[in-house]
C-alpha cells in the first residue's frame, strides 16, 4: 500500500549501503601467517590464544 502511494506521487526512497567497508586490503603492512589454520577446537585448556587489533 505504501509502495503504491509512493509510486503514484513520484516519491523515491534513498537506498542505504548494506555495510560500510572497514578494512583496507591494499596496505603495505606485514601480514602474519595463520598459525591456527582455522582449527578452533582445542584438546586441552590454554592451548591457543588470540586477539584482534
PDB file of N, CA and C in Angstrom:
ATOM      1  N   UNK A   1       0.813  -1.179   0.000  1.00  0.00           N
ATOM      2  CA  UNK A   1       0.000   0.000   0.000  1.00  0.00           C
ATOM      3  C   UNK A   1       0.868   1.260   0.000  1.00  0.00           C
ATOM      4  N   UNK A   2       1.837   1.304   0.886  1.00  0.00           N
ATOM      5  CA  UNK A   2       2.724   2.467   0.955  1.00  0.00           C
ATOM      6  C   UNK A   2       3.513   2.596  -0.337  1.00  0.00           C
ATOM      7  N   UNK A   3       3.964   1.476  -0.853  1.00  0.00           N
ATOM      8  CA  UNK A   3       4.740   1.498  -2.095  1.00  0.00           C
ATOM      9  C   UNK A   3       3.912   2.064  -3.246  1.00  0.00           C
ATOM     10  N   UNK A   4       2.661   1.644  -3.341  1.00  0.00           N
ATOM     11  CA  UNK A   4       1.786   2.108  -4.423  1.00  0.00           C
ATOM     12  C   UNK A   4       1.559   3.616  -4.325  1.00  0.00           C
ATOM     13  N   UNK A   5       1.272   4.108  -3.134  1.00  0.00           N
ATOM     14  CA  UNK A   5       1.047   5.546  -2.938  1.00  0.00           C
ATOM     15  C   UNK A   5       2.316   6.326  -3.256  1.00  0.00           C
ATOM     16  N   UNK A   6       3.438   5.801  -2.814  1.00  0.00           N
ATOM     17  CA  UNK A   6       4.722   6.455  -3.074  1.00  0.00           C
ATOM     18  C   UNK A   6       4.979   6.557  -4.572  1.00  0.00           C
ATOM     19  N   UNK A   7       4.727   5.481  -5.308  1.00  0.00           N
ATOM     20  CA  UNK A   7       4.945   5.481  -6.754  1.00  0.00           C
ATOM     21  C   UNK A   7       3.972   6.417  -7.473  1.00  0.00           C
ATOM     22  N   UNK A   8       2.733   6.507  -6.989  1.00  0.00           N
ATOM     23  CA  UNK A   8       1.751   7.406  -7.603  1.00  0.00           C
ATOM     24  C   UNK A   8       2.176   8.867  -7.488  1.00  0.00           C
ATOM     25  N   UNK A   9       2.833   9.212  -6.394  1.00  0.00           N
ATOM     26  CA  UNK A   9       3.256  10.592  -6.160  1.00  0.00           C
ATOM     27  C   UNK A   9       4.699  10.856  -6.591  1.00  0.00           C
ATOM     28  N   UNK A  10       5.353   9.837  -7.126  1.00  0.00           N
ATOM     29  CA  UNK A  10       6.718  10.009  -7.625  1.00  0.00           C
ATOM     30  C   UNK A  10       7.757  10.171  -6.529  1.00  0.00           C
ATOM     31  N   UNK A  11       7.462   9.623  -5.365  1.00  0.00           N
ATOM     32  CA  UNK A  11       8.402   9.717  -4.243  1.00  0.00           C
ATOM     33  C   UNK A  11       9.316   8.499  -4.283  1.00  0.00           C
ATOM     34  N   UNK A  12      10.613   8.752  -4.211  1.00  0.00           N
ATOM     35  CA  UNK A  12      11.582   7.658  -4.218  1.00  0.00           C
ATOM     36  C   UNK A  12      12.343   7.633  -2.904  1.00  0.00           C
ATOM     37  N   UNK A  13      12.662   6.447  -2.457  1.00  0.00           N
ATOM     38  CA  UNK A  13      13.415   6.270  -1.212  1.00  0.00           C
ATOM     39  C   UNK A  13      14.906   6.278  -1.512  1.00  0.00           C
ATOM     40  N   UNK A  14      15.663   6.759  -0.563  1.00  0.00           N
ATOM     41  CA  UNK A  14      17.118   6.645  -0.671  1.00  0.00           C
ATOM     42  C   UNK A  14      17.511   5.256  -0.204  1.00  0.00           C
ATOM     43  N   UNK A  15      18.310   4.596  -0.998  1.00  0.00           N
ATOM     44  CA  UNK A  15      18.755   3.255  -0.623  1.00  0.00           C
ATOM     45  C   UNK A  15      20.077   3.366   0.101  1.00  0.00           C
ATOM     46  N   UNK A  16      20.170   2.726   1.235  1.00  0.00           N
ATOM     47  CA  UNK A  16      21.383   2.747   2.039  1.00  0.00           C
ATOM     48  C   UNK A  16      22.280   1.575   1.658  1.00  0.00           C
ATOM     49  N   UNK A  17      23.574   1.778   1.827  1.00  0.00           N
ATOM     50  CA  UNK A  17      24.503   0.678   1.603  1.00  0.00           C
ATOM     51  C   UNK A  17      24.277  -0.377   2.677  1.00  0.00           C
ATOM     52  N   UNK A  18      24.466  -1.628   2.311  1.00  0.00           N
ATOM     53  CA  UNK A  18      24.246  -2.703   3.272  1.00  0.00           C
ATOM     54  C   UNK A  18      25.299  -2.715   4.375  1.00  0.00           C
ATOM     55  N   UNK A  19      26.531  -2.381   4.052  1.00  0.00           N
ATOM     56  CA  UNK A  19      27.580  -2.353   5.062  1.00  0.00           C
ATOM     57  C   UNK A  19      28.633  -1.339   4.662  1.00  0.00           C
ATOM     58  N   UNK A  20      29.418  -0.935   5.626  1.00  0.00           N
ATOM     59  CA  UNK A  20      30.492   0.013   5.388  1.00  0.00           C
ATOM     60  C   UNK A  20      31.812  -0.757   5.396  1.00  0.00           C
ATOM     61  N   UNK A  21      32.629  -0.554   4.390  1.00  0.00           N
ATOM     62  CA  UNK A  21      33.919  -1.227   4.311  1.00  0.00           C
ATOM     63  C   UNK A  21      34.817  -0.674   5.408  1.00  0.00           C
ATOM     64  N   UNK A  22      35.355  -1.558   6.247  1.00  0.00           N
ATOM     65  CA  UNK A  22      36.154  -1.113   7.383  1.00  0.00           C
ATOM     66  C   UNK A  22      37.608  -1.559   7.304  1.00  0.00           C
ATOM     67  N   UNK A  23      37.977  -2.273   6.255  1.00  0.00           N
ATOM     68  CA  UNK A  23      39.346  -2.772   6.170  1.00  0.00           C
ATOM     69  C   UNK A  23      39.925  -2.478   4.793  1.00  0.00           C
ATOM     70  N   UNK A  24      41.155  -2.011   4.775  1.00  0.00           N
ATOM     71  CA  UNK A  24      41.851  -1.743   3.524  1.00  0.00           C
ATOM     72  C   UNK A  24      42.740  -2.940   3.216  1.00  0.00           C
ATOM     73  N   UNK A  25      42.381  -3.726   2.220  1.00  0.00           N
ATOM     74  CA  UNK A  25      43.166  -4.914   1.899  1.00  0.00           C
ATOM     75  C   UNK A  25      44.377  -4.588   1.034  1.00  0.00           C
ATOM     76  N   UNK A  26      44.483  -3.368   0.541  1.00  0.00           N
ATOM     77  CA  UNK A  26      45.632  -2.963  -0.271  1.00  0.00           C
ATOM     78  C   UNK A  26      46.593  -2.127   0.566  1.00  0.00           C
ATOM     79  N   UNK A  27      47.107  -2.707   1.625  1.00  0.00           N
ATOM     80  CA  UNK A  27      48.015  -1.985   2.506  1.00  0.00           C
ATOM     81  C   UNK A  27      49.438  -2.508   2.340  1.00  0.00           C
ATOM     82  N   UNK A  28      50.395  -1.786   2.877  1.00  0.00           N
ATOM     83  CA  UNK A  28      51.804  -2.173   2.777  1.00  0.00           C
ATOM     84  C   UNK A  28      52.327  -2.765   4.076  1.00  0.00           C
ATOM     85  N   UNK A  29      51.439  -3.119   4.988  1.00  0.00           N
ATOM     86  CA  UNK A  29      51.856  -3.657   6.280  1.00  0.00           C
ATOM     87  C   UNK A  29      52.105  -5.153   6.186  1.00  0.00           C
ATOM     88  N   UNK A  30      52.843  -5.666   7.156  1.00  0.00           N
ATOM     89  CA  UNK A  30      53.183  -7.082   7.177  1.00  0.00           C
ATOM     90  C   UNK A  30      51.937  -7.926   7.474  1.00  0.00           C
ATOM     91  N   UNK A  31      51.783  -9.038   6.797  1.00  0.00           N
ATOM     92  CA  UNK A  31      50.677  -9.954   7.021  1.00  0.00           C
ATOM     93  C   UNK A  31      51.230 -11.179   7.721  1.00  0.00           C
ATOM     94  N   UNK A  32      50.640 -11.510   8.875  1.00  0.00           N
ATOM     95  CA  UNK A  32      51.111 -12.647   9.657  1.00  0.00           C
ATOM     96  C   UNK A  32      50.517 -13.947   9.135  1.00  0.00           C
ATOM     97  N   UNK A  33      51.219 -15.034   9.361  1.00  0.00           N
ATOM     98  CA  UNK A  33      50.725 -16.344   8.939  1.00  0.00           C
ATOM     99  C   UNK A  33      49.602 -16.788   9.862  1.00  0.00           C
ATOM    100  N   UNK A  34      48.731 -17.629   9.358  1.00  0.00           N
ATOM    101  CA  UNK A  34      47.608 -18.154  10.124  1.00  0.00           C
ATOM    102  C   UNK A  34      48.076 -19.395  10.875  1.00  0.00           C
ATOM    103  N   UNK A  35      48.477 -19.214  12.118  1.00  0.00           N
ATOM    104  CA  UNK A  35      49.034 -20.311  12.904  1.00  0.00           C
ATOM    105  C   UNK A  35      47.951 -21.322  13.274  1.00  0.00           C
ATOM    106  N   UNK A  36      46.755 -20.857  13.603  1.00  0.00           N
ATOM    107  CA  UNK A  36      45.669 -21.770  13.974  1.00  0.00           C
ATOM    108  C   UNK A  36      45.130 -22.539  12.779  1.00  0.00           C
ATOM    109  N   UNK A  37      45.265 -22.002  11.592  1.00  0.00           N
ATOM    110  CA  UNK A  37      44.783 -22.639  10.366  1.00  0.00           C
ATOM    111  C   UNK A  37      43.297 -22.992  10.475  1.00  0.00           C
ATOM    112  N   UNK A  38      42.512 -22.086  11.078  1.00  0.00           N
ATOM    113  CA  UNK A  38      41.062 -22.225  11.236  1.00  0.00           C
ATOM    114  C   UNK A  38      40.662 -23.459  12.039  1.00  0.00           C
ATOM    115  N   UNK A  39      41.552 -24.002  12.847  1.00  0.00           N
ATOM    116  CA  UNK A  39      41.216 -25.129  13.719  1.00  0.00           C
ATOM    117  C   UNK A  39      41.028 -24.571  15.125  1.00  0.00           C
ATOM    118  N   UNK A  40      39.774 -24.307  15.480  1.00  0.00           N
ATOM    119  CA  UNK A  40      39.479 -23.639  16.732  1.00  0.00           C
ATOM    120  C   UNK A  40      39.184 -24.604  17.875  1.00  0.00           C
ATOM    121  N   UNK A  41      39.146 -25.888  17.620  1.00  0.00           N
ATOM    122  CA  UNK A  41      38.886 -26.865  18.674  1.00  0.00           C
ATOM    123  C   UNK A  41      40.195 -27.220  19.368  1.00  0.00           C
ATOM    124  N   UNK A  42      40.255 -26.921  20.665  1.00  0.00           N
ATOM    125  CA  UNK A  42      41.460 -27.230  21.439  1.00  0.00           C
ATOM    126  C   UNK A  42      41.207 -28.494  22.250  1.00  0.00           C
ATOM    127  N   UNK A  43      42.186 -29.376  22.309  1.00  0.00           N
ATOM    128  CA  UNK A  43      42.011 -30.620  23.058  1.00  0.00           C
ATOM    129  C   UNK A  43      42.442 -30.485  24.513  1.00  0.00           C
ATOM    130  N   UNK A  44      42.988 -29.338  24.888  1.00  0.00           N
ATOM    131  CA  UNK A  44      43.340 -29.069  26.285  1.00  0.00           C
ATOM    132  C   UNK A  44      43.213 -27.570  26.542  1.00  0.00           C
ATOM    133  N   UNK A  45      43.022 -27.183  27.808  1.00  0.00           N
ATOM    134  CA  UNK A  45      42.860 -25.761  28.122  1.00  0.00           C
ATOM    135  C   UNK A  45      44.125 -24.958  27.819  1.00  0.00           C
ATOM    136  N   UNK A  46      43.973 -23.709  27.468  1.00  0.00           N
ATOM    137  CA  UNK A  46      45.072 -22.770  27.210  1.00  0.00           C
ATOM    138  C   UNK A  46      45.989 -23.201  26.072  1.00  0.00           C
ATOM    139  N   UNK A  47      45.478 -23.980  25.144  1.00  0.00           N
ATOM    140  CA  UNK A  47      46.309 -24.418  24.023  1.00  0.00           C
ATOM    141  C   UNK A  47      46.497 -23.286  23.012  1.00  0.00           C
ATOM    142  N   UNK A  48      45.433 -22.563  22.723  1.00  0.00           N
ATOM    143  CA  UNK A  48      45.539 -21.492  21.732  1.00  0.00           C
ATOM    144  C   UNK A  48      44.875 -20.225  22.254  1.00  0.00           C
ATOM    145  N   UNK A  49      45.575 -19.125  22.048  1.00  0.00           N
ATOM    146  CA  UNK A  49      45.075 -17.811  22.434  1.00  0.00           C
ATOM    147  C   UNK A  49      45.152 -16.914  21.213  1.00  0.00           C
ATOM    148  N   UNK A  50      44.299 -15.926  21.164  1.00  0.00           N
ATOM    149  CA  UNK A  50      44.351 -14.991  20.048  1.00  0.00           C
ATOM    150  C   UNK A  50      43.655 -13.700  20.393  1.00  0.00           C
ATOM    151  N   UNK A  51      43.945 -12.694  19.596  1.00  0.00           N
ATOM    152  CA  UNK A  51      43.280 -11.409  19.759  1.00  0.00           C
ATOM    153  C   UNK A  51      43.244 -10.709  18.423  1.00  0.00           C
ATOM    154  N   UNK A  52      42.412  -9.697  18.345  1.00  0.00           N
ATOM    155  CA  UNK A  52      42.231  -8.940  17.108  1.00  0.00           C
ATOM    156  C   UNK A  52      42.428  -7.470  17.422  1.00  0.00           C
ATOM    157  N   UNK A  53      43.304  -6.839  16.672  1.00  0.00           N
ATOM    158  CA  UNK A  53      43.540  -5.408  16.879  1.00  0.00           C
ATOM    159  C   UNK A  53      42.654  -4.591  15.990  1.00  0.00           C
TER     160      UNK A  53
END
